[in-house]
Amino acid sequence: MSPIRTDWLERLIQQLAQVLARALGLRARGEEEQALEQIHRATGELLGIPRAMLLSLDPRSALEALGQPRLRTAALRLLDEEESILRGQGKLAEADALAAWLARVREGAAG
């Protein structure tokens, strides 16, 4: 990988980590909706694909869209937090659907 691409990837992963930190902070203050907004915005802006579109992809396509393994890990961790927030809000159907999608994508990455 070229040095420019490596730098870009590192910055992107850092930005995802910052969004996760902000979302965790918002959640700790009871501002779950704002945390979800941060996560949804980051999915579109940083990953370059709207959340709804990403979640509509089959595991193989999602893995391709997310690219590098470290980027995938950061993106999936962000979506793990979304799933946890949804579950905490009692939005169990949404949380279960997201958890199932995450599991399928992770299985695709492992297999």
PDB file of N, CA and C in Angstrom:
ATOM      1  N   MET A   1       0.852  -1.167   0.000  1.00  0.00           N
ATOM      2  CA  MET A   1       0.000   0.000   0.000  1.00  0.00           C
ATOM      3  C   MET A   1       0.900   1.232   0.000  1.00  0.00           C
ATOM      4  N   SER A   2       0.502   2.228  -0.770  1.00  0.00           N
ATOM      5  CA  SER A   2       1.303   3.449  -0.889  1.00  0.00           C
ATOM      6  C   SER A   2       1.274   4.227   0.427  1.00  0.00           C
ATOM      7  N   PRO A   3       2.323   5.025   0.681  1.00  0.00           N
ATOM      8  CA  PRO A   3       2.351   5.834   1.909  1.00  0.00           C
ATOM      9  C   PRO A   3       1.156   6.794   2.010  1.00  0.00           C
ATOM     10  N   ILE A   4       0.734   7.345   0.890  1.00  0.00           N
ATOM     11  CA  ILE A   4      -0.411   8.261   0.908  1.00  0.00           C
ATOM     12  C   ILE A   4      -1.674   7.511   1.313  1.00  0.00           C
ATOM     13  N   ARG A   5      -1.870   6.345   0.737  1.00  0.00           N
ATOM     14  CA  ARG A   5      -3.056   5.542   1.085  1.00  0.00           C
ATOM     15  C   ARG A   5      -2.991   5.093   2.542  1.00  0.00           C
ATOM     16  N   THR A   6      -1.813   4.740   3.019  1.00  0.00           N
ATOM     17  CA  THR A   6      -1.649   4.345   4.418  1.00  0.00           C
ATOM     18  C   THR A   6      -1.998   5.504   5.342  1.00  0.00           C
ATOM     19  N   ASP A   7      -1.526   6.700   5.020  1.00  0.00           N
ATOM     20  CA  ASP A   7      -1.852   7.885   5.832  1.00  0.00           C
ATOM     21  C   ASP A   7      -3.348   8.150   5.827  1.00  0.00           C
ATOM     22  N   TRP A   8      -3.966   8.047   4.663  1.00  0.00           N
ATOM     23  CA  TRP A   8      -5.409   8.265   4.549  1.00  0.00           C
ATOM     24  C   TRP A   8      -6.157   7.252   5.407  1.00  0.00           C
ATOM     25  N   LEU A   9      -5.765   5.996   5.331  1.00  0.00           N
ATOM     26  CA  LEU A   9      -6.418   4.939   6.087  1.00  0.00           C
ATOM     27  C   LEU A   9      -6.265   5.178   7.588  1.00  0.00           C
ATOM     28  N   GLU A  10      -5.082   5.547   8.014  1.00  0.00           N
ATOM     29  CA  GLU A  10      -4.848   5.828   9.436  1.00  0.00           C
ATOM     30  C   GLU A  10      -5.720   6.984   9.923  1.00  0.00           C
ATOM     31  N   ARG A  11      -5.826   8.042   9.121  1.00  0.00           N
ATOM     32  CA  ARG A  11      -6.671   9.183   9.502  1.00  0.00           C
ATOM     33  C   ARG A  11      -8.133   8.768   9.583  1.00  0.00           C
ATOM     34  N   LEU A  12      -8.579   7.973   8.647  1.00  0.00           N
ATOM     35  CA  LEU A  12      -9.960   7.505   8.628  1.00  0.00           C
ATOM     36  C   LEU A  12     -10.267   6.657   9.866  1.00  0.00           C
ATOM     37  N   ILE A  13      -9.366   5.772  10.208  1.00  0.00           N
ATOM     38  CA  ILE A  13      -9.549   4.935  11.397  1.00  0.00           C
ATOM     39  C   ILE A  13      -9.568   5.803  12.649  1.00  0.00           C
ATOM     40  N   GLN A  14      -8.698   6.809  12.702  1.00  0.00           N
ATOM     41  CA  GLN A  14      -8.701   7.745  13.830  1.00  0.00           C
ATOM     42  C   GLN A  14     -10.020   8.492  13.923  1.00  0.00           C
ATOM     43  N   GLN A  15     -10.534   8.924  12.794  1.00  0.00           N
ATOM     44  CA  GLN A  15     -11.804   9.642  12.788  1.00  0.00           C
ATOM     45  C   GLN A  15     -12.941   8.744  13.273  1.00  0.00           C
ATOM     46  N   LEU A  16     -12.942   7.497  12.858  1.00  0.00           N
ATOM     47  CA  LEU A  16     -13.963   6.555  13.329  1.00  0.00           C
ATOM     48  C   LEU A  16     -13.840   6.351  14.841  1.00  0.00           C
ATOM     49  N   ALA A  17     -12.614   6.262  15.331  1.00  0.00           N
ATOM     50  CA  ALA A  17     -12.400   6.115  16.774  1.00  0.00           C
ATOM     51  C   ALA A  17     -12.898   7.352  17.520  1.00  0.00           C
ATOM     52  N   GLN A  18     -12.701   8.526  16.948  1.00  0.00           N
ATOM     53  CA  GLN A  18     -13.188   9.752  17.573  1.00  0.00           C
ATOM     54  C   GLN A  18     -14.716   9.781  17.613  1.00  0.00           C
ATOM     55  N   VAL A  19     -15.341   9.348  16.550  1.00  0.00           N
ATOM     56  CA  VAL A  19     -16.805   9.282  16.523  1.00  0.00           C
ATOM     57  C   VAL A  19     -17.289   8.302  17.589  1.00  0.00           C
ATOM     58  N   LEU A  20     -16.626   7.163  17.697  1.00  0.00           N
ATOM     59  CA  LEU A  20     -17.008   6.183  18.708  1.00  0.00           C
ATOM     60  C   LEU A  20     -16.871   6.793  20.103  1.00  0.00           C
ATOM     61  N   ALA A  21     -15.781   7.495  20.351  1.00  0.00           N
ATOM     62  CA  ALA A  21     -15.578   8.128  21.659  1.00  0.00           C
ATOM     63  C   ALA A  21     -16.676   9.156  21.945  1.00  0.00           C
ATOM     64  N   ARG A  22     -17.025   9.954  20.938  1.00  0.00           N
ATOM     65  CA  ARG A  22     -18.108  10.930  21.123  1.00  0.00           C
ATOM     66  C   ARG A  22     -19.435  10.234  21.396  1.00  0.00           C
ATOM     67  N   ALA A  23     -19.705   9.179  20.639  1.00  0.00           N
ATOM     68  CA  ALA A  23     -20.958   8.439  20.831  1.00  0.00           C
ATOM     69  C   ALA A  23     -21.016   7.831  22.229  1.00  0.00           C
ATOM     70  N   LEU A  24     -19.905   7.292  22.696  1.00  0.00           N
ATOM     71  CA  LEU A  24     -19.870   6.718  24.046  1.00  0.00           C
ATOM     72  C   LEU A  24     -20.107   7.801  25.093  1.00  0.00           C
ATOM     73  N   GLY A  25     -19.514   8.968  24.883  1.00  0.00           N
ATOM     74  CA  GLY A  25     -19.719  10.084  25.803  1.00  0.00           C
ATOM     75  C   GLY A  25     -21.158  10.546  25.824  1.00  0.00           C
ATOM     76  N   LEU A  26     -21.740  10.666  24.654  1.00  0.00           N
ATOM     77  CA  LEU A  26     -23.146  11.067  24.572  1.00  0.00           C
ATOM     78  C   LEU A  26     -24.042  10.039  25.250  1.00  0.00           C
ATOM     79  N   ARG A  27     -23.750   8.794  25.007  1.00  0.00           N
ATOM     80  CA  ARG A  27     -24.551   7.724  25.619  1.00  0.00           C
ATOM     81  C   ARG A  27     -24.434   7.764  27.138  1.00  0.00           C
ATOM     82  N   ALA A  28     -23.233   7.999  27.639  1.00  0.00           N
ATOM     83  CA  ALA A  28     -23.024   8.065  29.083  1.00  0.00           C
ATOM     84  C   ALA A  28     -23.825   9.205  29.715  1.00  0.00           C
ATOM     85  N   ARG A  29     -24.053  10.260  28.935  1.00  0.00           N
ATOM     86  CA  ARG A  29     -24.840  11.393  29.431  1.00  0.00           C
ATOM     87  C   ARG A  29     -26.339  11.219  29.166  1.00  0.00           C
ATOM     88  N   GLY A  30     -26.721  10.063  28.642  1.00  0.00           N
ATOM     89  CA  GLY A  30     -28.131   9.814  28.378  1.00  0.00           C
ATOM     90  C   GLY A  30     -28.629  10.406  27.082  1.00  0.00           C
ATOM     91  N   GLU A  31     -27.725  10.779  26.210  1.00  0.00           N
ATOM     92  CA  GLU A  31     -28.092  11.404  24.931  1.00  0.00           C
ATOM     93  C   GLU A  31     -27.959  10.383  23.797  1.00  0.00           C
ATOM     94  N   GLU A  32     -28.744   9.311  23.918  1.00  0.00           N
ATOM     95  CA  GLU A  32     -28.640   8.209  22.971  1.00  0.00           C
ATOM     96  C   GLU A  32     -28.972   8.613  21.538  1.00  0.00           C
ATOM     97  N   GLU A  33     -29.998   9.441  21.362  1.00  0.00           N
ATOM     98  CA  GLU A  33     -30.381   9.839  19.998  1.00  0.00           C
ATOM     99  C   GLU A  33     -29.252  10.610  19.321  1.00  0.00           C
ATOM    100  N   GLN A  34     -28.581  11.470  20.070  1.00  0.00           N
ATOM    101  CA  GLN A  34     -27.457  12.217  19.500  1.00  0.00           C
ATOM    102  C   GLN A  34     -26.302  11.267  19.178  1.00  0.00           C
ATOM    103  N   ALA A  35     -26.116  10.264  20.021  1.00  0.00           N
ATOM    104  CA  ALA A  35     -25.071   9.269  19.759  1.00  0.00           C
ATOM    105  C   ALA A  35     -25.377   8.526  18.455  1.00  0.00           C
ATOM    106  N   LEU A  36     -26.637   8.142  18.271  1.00  0.00           N
ATOM    107  CA  LEU A  36     -27.026   7.456  17.041  1.00  0.00           C
ATOM    108  C   LEU A  36     -26.827   8.358  15.826  1.00  0.00           C
ATOM    109  N   GLU A  37     -27.162   9.635  15.972  1.00  0.00           N
ATOM    110  CA  GLU A  37     -26.950  10.579  14.864  1.00  0.00           C
ATOM    111  C   GLU A  37     -25.473  10.650  14.487  1.00  0.00           C
ATOM    112  N   GLN A  38     -24.601  10.687  15.484  1.00  0.00           N
ATOM    113  CA  GLN A  38     -23.157  10.717  15.221  1.00  0.00           C
ATOM    114  C   GLN A  38     -22.730   9.476  14.430  1.00  0.00           C
ATOM    115  N   ILE A  39     -23.210   8.331  14.863  1.00  0.00           N
ATOM    116  CA  ILE A  39     -22.846   7.073  14.204  1.00  0.00           C
ATOM    117  C   ILE A  39     -23.370   7.049  12.770  1.00  0.00           C
ATOM    118  N   HIS A  40     -24.620   7.443  12.580  1.00  0.00           N
ATOM    119  CA  HIS A  40     -25.207   7.431  11.229  1.00  0.00           C
ATOM    120  C   HIS A  40     -24.474   8.407  10.308  1.00  0.00           C
ATOM    121  N   ARG A  41     -24.176   9.584  10.810  1.00  0.00           N
ATOM    122  CA  ARG A  41     -23.463  10.586  10.000  1.00  0.00           C
ATOM    123  C   ARG A  41     -22.085  10.058   9.611  1.00  0.00           C
ATOM    124  N   ALA A  42     -21.391   9.462  10.572  1.00  0.00           N
ATOM    125  CA  ALA A  42     -20.042   8.948  10.299  1.00  0.00           C
ATOM    126  C   ALA A  42     -20.069   7.846   9.254  1.00  0.00           C
ATOM    127  N   THR A  43     -21.089   7.012   9.307  1.00  0.00           N
ATOM    128  CA  THR A  43     -21.176   5.926   8.320  1.00  0.00           C
ATOM    129  C   THR A  43     -21.208   6.499   6.914  1.00  0.00           C
ATOM    130  N   GLY A  44     -22.038   7.506   6.717  1.00  0.00           N
ATOM    131  CA  GLY A  44     -22.141   8.105   5.391  1.00  0.00           C
ATOM    132  C   GLY A  44     -20.925   8.929   5.009  1.00  0.00           C
ATOM    133  N   GLU A  45     -20.485   9.787   5.931  1.00  0.00           N
ATOM    134  CA  GLU A  45     -19.400  10.718   5.614  1.00  0.00           C
ATOM    135  C   GLU A  45     -18.035  10.033   5.556  1.00  0.00           C
ATOM    136  N   LEU A  46     -17.735   9.202   6.532  1.00  0.00           N
ATOM    137  CA  LEU A  46     -16.394   8.615   6.602  1.00  0.00           C
ATOM    138  C   LEU A  46     -16.246   7.351   5.765  1.00  0.00           C
ATOM    139  N   LEU A  47     -17.298   6.556   5.729  1.00  0.00           N
ATOM    140  CA  LEU A  47     -17.206   5.311   4.965  1.00  0.00           C
ATOM    141  C   LEU A  47     -17.646   5.495   3.522  1.00  0.00           C
ATOM    142  N   GLY A  48     -18.315   6.620   3.256  1.00  0.00           N
ATOM    143  CA  GLY A  48     -18.706   6.920   1.887  1.00  0.00           C
ATOM    144  C   GLY A  48     -19.910   6.141   1.395  1.00  0.00           C
ATOM    145  N   ILE A  49     -20.657   5.575   2.329  1.00  0.00           N
ATOM    146  CA  ILE A  49     -21.844   4.824   1.944  1.00  0.00           C
ATOM    147  C   ILE A  49     -22.911   5.066   3.011  1.00  0.00           C
ATOM    148  N   PRO A  50     -24.105   5.439   2.598  1.00  0.00           N
ATOM    149  CA  PRO A  50     -25.159   5.645   3.593  1.00  0.00           C
ATOM    150  C   PRO A  50     -25.407   4.372   4.401  1.00  0.00           C
ATOM    151  N   ARG A  51     -25.723   4.555   5.654  1.00  0.00           N
ATOM    152  CA  ARG A  51     -25.933   3.432   6.568  1.00  0.00           C
ATOM    153  C   ARG A  51     -26.954   2.446   6.018  1.00  0.00           C
ATOM    154  N   ALA A  52     -28.094   2.941   5.565  1.00  0.00           N
ATOM    155  CA  ALA A  52     -29.142   2.048   5.057  1.00  0.00           C
ATOM    156  C   ALA A  52     -28.629   1.219   3.879  1.00  0.00           C
ATOM    157  N   MET A  53     -27.841   1.834   3.031  1.00  0.00           N
ATOM    158  CA  MET A  53     -27.294   1.102   1.887  1.00  0.00           C
ATOM    159  C   MET A  53     -26.288   0.052   2.355  1.00  0.00           C
ATOM    160  N   LEU A  54     -25.427   0.440   3.278  1.00  0.00           N
ATOM    161  CA  LEU A  54     -24.446  -0.509   3.810  1.00  0.00           C
ATOM    162  C   LEU A  54     -25.148  -1.724   4.401  1.00  0.00           C
ATOM    163  N   LEU A  55     -26.175  -1.472   5.208  1.00  0.00           N
ATOM    164  CA  LEU A  55     -26.869  -2.572   5.878  1.00  0.00           C
ATOM    165  C   LEU A  55     -27.725  -3.407   4.929  1.00  0.00           C
ATOM    166  N   SER A  56     -27.946  -2.914   3.724  1.00  0.00           N
ATOM    167  CA  SER A  56     -28.701  -3.699   2.746  1.00  0.00           C
ATOM    168  C   SER A  56     -27.796  -4.635   1.938  1.00  0.00           C
ATOM    169  N   LEU A  57     -26.484  -4.463   2.094  1.00  0.00           N
ATOM    170  CA  LEU A  57     -25.539  -5.279   1.333  1.00  0.00           C
ATOM    171  C   LEU A  57     -25.403  -6.674   1.925  1.00  0.00           C
ATOM    172  N   ASP A  58     -25.153  -7.642   1.056  1.00  0.00           N
ATOM    173  CA  ASP A  58     -24.831  -8.979   1.531  1.00  0.00           C
ATOM    174  C   ASP A  58     -23.428  -8.918   2.154  1.00  0.00           C
ATOM    175  N   PRO A  59     -23.058  -9.908   2.964  1.00  0.00           N
ATOM    176  CA  PRO A  59     -21.773  -9.847   3.661  1.00  0.00           C
ATOM    177  C   PRO A  59     -20.565  -9.626   2.753  1.00  0.00           C
ATOM    178  N   ARG A  60     -20.510 -10.312   1.628  1.00  0.00           N
ATOM    179  CA  ARG A  60     -19.362 -10.166   0.728  1.00  0.00           C
ATOM    180  C   ARG A  60     -19.250  -8.734   0.203  1.00  0.00           C
ATOM    181  N   SER A  61     -20.363  -8.173  -0.225  1.00  0.00           N
ATOM    182  CA  SER A  61     -20.371  -6.803  -0.733  1.00  0.00           C
ATOM    183  C   SER A  61     -20.049  -5.806   0.368  1.00  0.00           C
ATOM    184  N   ALA A  62     -20.563  -6.056   1.577  1.00  0.00           N
ATOM    185  CA  ALA A  62     -20.270  -5.167   2.708  1.00  0.00           C
ATOM    186  C   ALA A  62     -18.780  -5.183   3.012  1.00  0.00           C
ATOM    187  N   LEU A  63     -18.185  -6.358   2.997  1.00  0.00           N
ATOM    188  CA  LEU A  63     -16.746  -6.459   3.262  1.00  0.00           C
ATOM    189  C   LEU A  63     -15.947  -5.717   2.202  1.00  0.00           C
ATOM    190  N   GLU A  64     -16.371  -5.814   0.961  1.00  0.00           N
ATOM    191  CA  GLU A  64     -15.695  -5.081  -0.113  1.00  0.00           C
ATOM    192  C   GLU A  64     -15.854  -3.581   0.076  1.00  0.00           C
ATOM    193  N   ALA A  65     -17.053  -3.143   0.462  1.00  0.00           N
ATOM    194  CA  ALA A  65     -17.308  -1.714   0.659  1.00  0.00           C
ATOM    195  C   ALA A  65     -16.493  -1.163   1.815  1.00  0.00           C
ATOM    196  N   LEU A  66     -16.284  -1.979   2.835  1.00  0.00           N
ATOM    197  CA  LEU A  66     -15.539  -1.517   4.005  1.00  0.00           C
ATOM    198  C   LEU A  66     -14.027  -1.606   3.814  1.00  0.00           C
ATOM    199  N   GLY A  67     -13.591  -2.351   2.809  1.00  0.00           N
ATOM    200  CA  GLY A  67     -12.173  -2.335   2.454  1.00  0.00           C
ATOM    201  C   GLY A  67     -11.250  -3.047   3.418  1.00  0.00           C
ATOM    202  N   GLN A  68     -10.195  -2.351   3.815  1.00  0.00           N
ATOM    203  CA  GLN A  68      -9.117  -2.906   4.627  1.00  0.00           C
ATOM    204  C   GLN A  68      -9.617  -3.491   5.948  1.00  0.00           C
ATOM    205  N   PRO A  69      -8.994  -4.577   6.421  1.00  0.00           N
ATOM    206  CA  PRO A  69      -9.427  -5.209   7.671  1.00  0.00           C
ATOM    207  C   PRO A  69      -9.472  -4.253   8.871  1.00  0.00           C
ATOM    208  N   ARG A  70      -8.497  -3.378   9.021  1.00  0.00           N
ATOM    209  CA  ARG A  70      -8.519  -2.458  10.173  1.00  0.00           C
ATOM    210  C   ARG A  70      -9.662  -1.464  10.057  1.00  0.00           C
ATOM    211  N   LEU A  71      -9.961  -1.044   8.852  1.00  0.00           N
ATOM    212  CA  LEU A  71     -11.092  -0.147   8.638  1.00  0.00           C
ATOM    213  C   LEU A  71     -12.398  -0.875   8.940  1.00  0.00           C
ATOM    214  N   ARG A  72     -12.503  -2.109   8.478  1.00  0.00           N
ATOM    215  CA  ARG A  72     -13.691  -2.926   8.772  1.00  0.00           C
ATOM    216  C   ARG A  72     -13.890  -3.072  10.266  1.00  0.00           C
ATOM    217  N   THR A  73     -12.812  -3.365  10.969  1.00  0.00           N
ATOM    218  CA  THR A  73     -12.898  -3.540  12.416  1.00  0.00           C
ATOM    219  C   THR A  73     -13.431  -2.282  13.080  1.00  0.00           C
ATOM    220  N   ALA A  74     -12.909  -1.123  12.691  1.00  0.00           N
ATOM    221  CA  ALA A  74     -13.360   0.147  13.277  1.00  0.00           C
ATOM    222  C   ALA A  74     -14.816   0.424  12.939  1.00  0.00           C
ATOM    223  N   ALA A  75     -15.185   0.184  11.695  1.00  0.00           N
ATOM    224  CA  ALA A  75     -16.569   0.431  11.268  1.00  0.00           C
ATOM    225  C   ALA A  75     -17.540  -0.507  11.976  1.00  0.00           C
ATOM    226  N   LEU A  76     -17.179  -1.770  12.085  1.00  0.00           N
ATOM    227  CA  LEU A  76     -18.054  -2.730  12.738  1.00  0.00           C
ATOM    228  C   LEU A  76     -18.161  -2.435  14.233  1.00  0.00           C
ATOM    229  N   ARG A  77     -17.088  -1.954  14.831  1.00  0.00           N
ATOM    230  CA  ARG A  77     -17.145  -1.582  16.257  1.00  0.00           C
ATOM    231  C   ARG A  77     -18.122  -0.427  16.461  1.00  0.00           C
ATOM    232  N   LEU A  78     -18.121   0.519  15.536  1.00  0.00           N
ATOM    233  CA  LEU A  78     -19.052   1.640  15.605  1.00  0.00           C
ATOM    234  C   LEU A  78     -20.499   1.138  15.511  1.00  0.00           C
ATOM    235  N   LEU A  79     -20.722   0.190  14.614  1.00  0.00           N
ATOM    236  CA  LEU A  79     -22.061  -0.374  14.467  1.00  0.00           C
ATOM    237  C   LEU A  79     -22.437  -1.257  15.656  1.00  0.00           C
ATOM    238  N   ASP A  80     -21.437  -1.873  16.304  1.00  0.00           N
ATOM    239  CA  ASP A  80     -21.709  -2.604  17.551  1.00  0.00           C
ATOM    240  C   ASP A  80     -22.280  -1.654  18.597  1.00  0.00           C
ATOM    241  N   GLU A  81     -21.708  -0.459  18.662  1.00  0.00           N
ATOM    242  CA  GLU A  81     -22.195   0.521  19.629  1.00  0.00           C
ATOM    243  C   GLU A  81     -23.621   0.934  19.290  1.00  0.00           C
ATOM    244  N   GLU A  82     -23.907   1.101  18.006  1.00  0.00           N
ATOM    245  CA  GLU A  82     -25.276   1.420  17.609  1.00  0.00           C
ATOM    246  C   GLU A  82     -26.235   0.319  18.074  1.00  0.00           C
ATOM    247  N   GLU A  83     -25.852  -0.906  17.851  1.00  0.00           N
ATOM    248  CA  GLU A  83     -26.693  -2.036  18.265  1.00  0.00           C
ATOM    249  C   GLU A  83     -26.927  -2.009  19.769  1.00  0.00           C
ATOM    250  N   SER A  84     -25.912  -1.712  20.528  1.00  0.00           N
ATOM    251  CA  SER A  84     -26.031  -1.649  21.975  1.00  0.00           C
ATOM    252  C   SER A  84     -26.959  -0.512  22.416  1.00  0.00           C
ATOM    253  N   ILE A  85     -26.835   0.639  21.769  1.00  0.00           N
ATOM    254  CA  ILE A  85     -27.708   1.773  22.081  1.00  0.00           C
ATOM    255  C   ILE A  85     -29.160   1.418  21.772  1.00  0.00           C
ATOM    256  N   LEU A  86     -29.389   0.838  20.595  1.00  0.00           N
ATOM    257  CA  LEU A  86     -30.749   0.446  20.217  1.00  0.00           C
ATOM    258  C   LEU A  86     -31.339  -0.529  21.226  1.00  0.00           C
ATOM    259  N   ARG A  87     -30.539  -1.487  21.652  1.00  0.00           N
ATOM    260  CA  ARG A  87     -30.996  -2.473  22.623  1.00  0.00           C
ATOM    261  C   ARG A  87     -31.345  -1.773  23.943  1.00  0.00           C
ATOM    262  N   GLY A  88     -30.489  -0.838  24.356  1.00  0.00           N
ATOM    263  CA  GLY A  88     -30.739  -0.098  25.585  1.00  0.00           C
ATOM    264  C   GLY A  88     -31.991   0.754  25.514  1.00  0.00           C
ATOM    265  N   GLN A  89     -32.343   1.198  24.322  1.00  0.00           N
ATOM    266  CA  GLN A  89     -33.557   1.989  24.129  1.00  0.00           C
ATOM    267  C   GLN A  89     -34.801   1.115  24.011  1.00  0.00           C
ATOM    268  N   GLY A  90     -34.613  -0.189  24.040  1.00  0.00           N
ATOM    269  CA  GLY A  90     -35.747  -1.094  23.910  1.00  0.00           C
ATOM    270  C   GLY A  90     -36.177  -1.325  22.476  1.00  0.00           C
ATOM    271  N   LYS A  91     -35.372  -0.891  21.521  1.00  0.00           N
ATOM    272  CA  LYS A  91     -35.669  -1.095  20.096  1.00  0.00           C
ATOM    273  C   LYS A  91     -35.084  -2.446  19.684  1.00  0.00           C
ATOM    274  N   LEU A  92     -35.693  -3.487  20.228  1.00  0.00           N
ATOM    275  CA  LEU A  92     -35.116  -4.818  20.101  1.00  0.00           C
ATOM    276  C   LEU A  92     -35.127  -5.357  18.680  1.00  0.00           C
ATOM    277  N   ALA A  93     -36.166  -5.093  17.924  1.00  0.00           N
ATOM    278  CA  ALA A  93     -36.212  -5.594  16.545  1.00  0.00           C
ATOM    279  C   ALA A  93     -35.084  -4.977  15.721  1.00  0.00           C
ATOM    280  N   GLU A  94     -34.876  -3.672  15.862  1.00  0.00           N
ATOM    281  CA  GLU A  94     -33.784  -3.007  15.137  1.00  0.00           C
ATOM    282  C   GLU A  94     -32.431  -3.524  15.603  1.00  0.00           C
ATOM    283  N   ALA A  95     -32.273  -3.664  16.925  1.00  0.00           N
ATOM    284  CA  ALA A  95     -31.011  -4.155  17.478  1.00  0.00           C
ATOM    285  C   ALA A  95     -30.732  -5.576  17.010  1.00  0.00           C
ATOM    286  N   ASP A  96     -31.745  -6.427  17.031  1.00  0.00           N
ATOM    287  CA  ASP A  96     -31.572  -7.814  16.596  1.00  0.00           C
ATOM    288  C   ASP A  96     -31.199  -7.889  15.115  1.00  0.00           C
ATOM    289  N   ALA A  97     -31.841  -7.069  14.294  1.00  0.00           N
ATOM    290  CA  ALA A  97     -31.541  -7.061  12.856  1.00  0.00           C
ATOM    291  C   ALA A  97     -30.103  -6.611  12.620  1.00  0.00           C
ATOM    292  N   LEU A  98     -29.678  -5.573  13.324  1.00  0.00           N
ATOM    293  CA  LEU A  98     -28.308  -5.083  13.165  1.00  0.00           C
ATOM    294  C   LEU A  98     -27.318  -6.125  13.671  1.00  0.00           C
ATOM    295  N   ALA A  99     -27.608  -6.742  14.817  1.00  0.00           N
ATOM    296  CA  ALA A  99     -26.717  -7.778  15.361  1.00  0.00           C
ATOM    297  C   ALA A  99     -26.588  -8.949  14.393  1.00  0.00           C
ATOM    298  N   ALA A 100     -27.689  -9.348  13.771  1.00  0.00           N
ATOM    299  CA  ALA A 100     -27.655 -10.459  12.808  1.00  0.00           C
ATOM    300  C   ALA A 100     -26.810 -10.086  11.598  1.00  0.00           C
ATOM    301  N   TRP A 101     -26.967  -8.851  11.100  1.00  0.00           N
ATOM    302  CA  TRP A 101     -26.174  -8.397   9.951  1.00  0.00           C
ATOM    303  C   TRP A 101     -24.698  -8.383  10.321  1.00  0.00           C
ATOM    304  N   LEU A 102     -24.376  -7.839  11.493  1.00  0.00           N
ATOM    305  CA  LEU A 102     -22.978  -7.798  11.937  1.00  0.00           C
ATOM    306  C   LEU A 102     -22.393  -9.205  12.025  1.00  0.00           C
ATOM    307  N   ALA A 103     -23.161 -10.143  12.551  1.00  0.00           N
ATOM    308  CA  ALA A 103     -22.689 -11.525  12.662  1.00  0.00           C
ATOM    309  C   ALA A 103     -22.425 -12.128  11.289  1.00  0.00           C
ATOM    310  N   ARG A 104     -23.326 -11.877  10.332  1.00  0.00           N
ATOM    311  CA  ARG A 104     -23.124 -12.404   8.972  1.00  0.00           C
ATOM    312  C   ARG A 104     -21.876 -11.811   8.332  1.00  0.00           C
ATOM    313  N   VAL A 105     -21.666 -10.515   8.511  1.00  0.00           N
ATOM    314  CA  VAL A 105     -20.484  -9.874   7.926  1.00  0.00           C
ATOM    315  C   VAL A 105     -19.215 -10.426   8.568  1.00  0.00           C
ATOM    316  N   ARG A 106     -19.234 -10.580   9.879  1.00  0.00           N
ATOM    317  CA  ARG A 106     -18.044 -11.127  10.558  1.00  0.00           C
ATOM    318  C   ARG A 106     -17.776 -12.579  10.133  1.00  0.00           C
ATOM    319  N   GLU A 107     -18.819 -13.348   9.942  1.00  0.00           N
ATOM    320  CA  GLU A 107     -18.648 -14.724   9.453  1.00  0.00           C
ATOM    321  C   GLU A 107     -18.032 -14.704   8.063  1.00  0.00           C
ATOM    322  N   GLY A 108     -18.486 -13.760   7.228  1.00  0.00           N
ATOM    323  CA  GLY A 108     -17.931 -13.635   5.880  1.00  0.00           C
ATOM    324  C   GLY A 108     -16.462 -13.255   5.909  1.00  0.00           C
ATOM    325  N   ALA A 109     -16.080 -12.438   6.859  1.00  0.00           N
ATOM    326  CA  ALA A 109     -14.674 -12.028   6.978  1.00  0.00           C
ATOM    327  C   ALA A 109     -13.806 -13.181   7.462  1.00  0.00           C
ATOM    328  N   ALA A 110     -14.372 -14.013   8.316  1.00  0.00           N
ATOM    329  CA  ALA A 110     -13.609 -15.144   8.880  1.00  0.00           C
ATOM    330  C   ALA A 110     -13.495 -16.298   7.896  1.00  0.00           C
ATOM    331  N   GLY A 111     -14.503 -16.420   7.041  1.00  0.00           N
ATOM    332  CA  GLY A 111     -14.560 -17.577   6.148  1.00  0.00           C
ATOM    333  C   GLY A 111     -13.965 -17.289   4.862  1.00  0.00           C
TER     334      GLY A 111
END
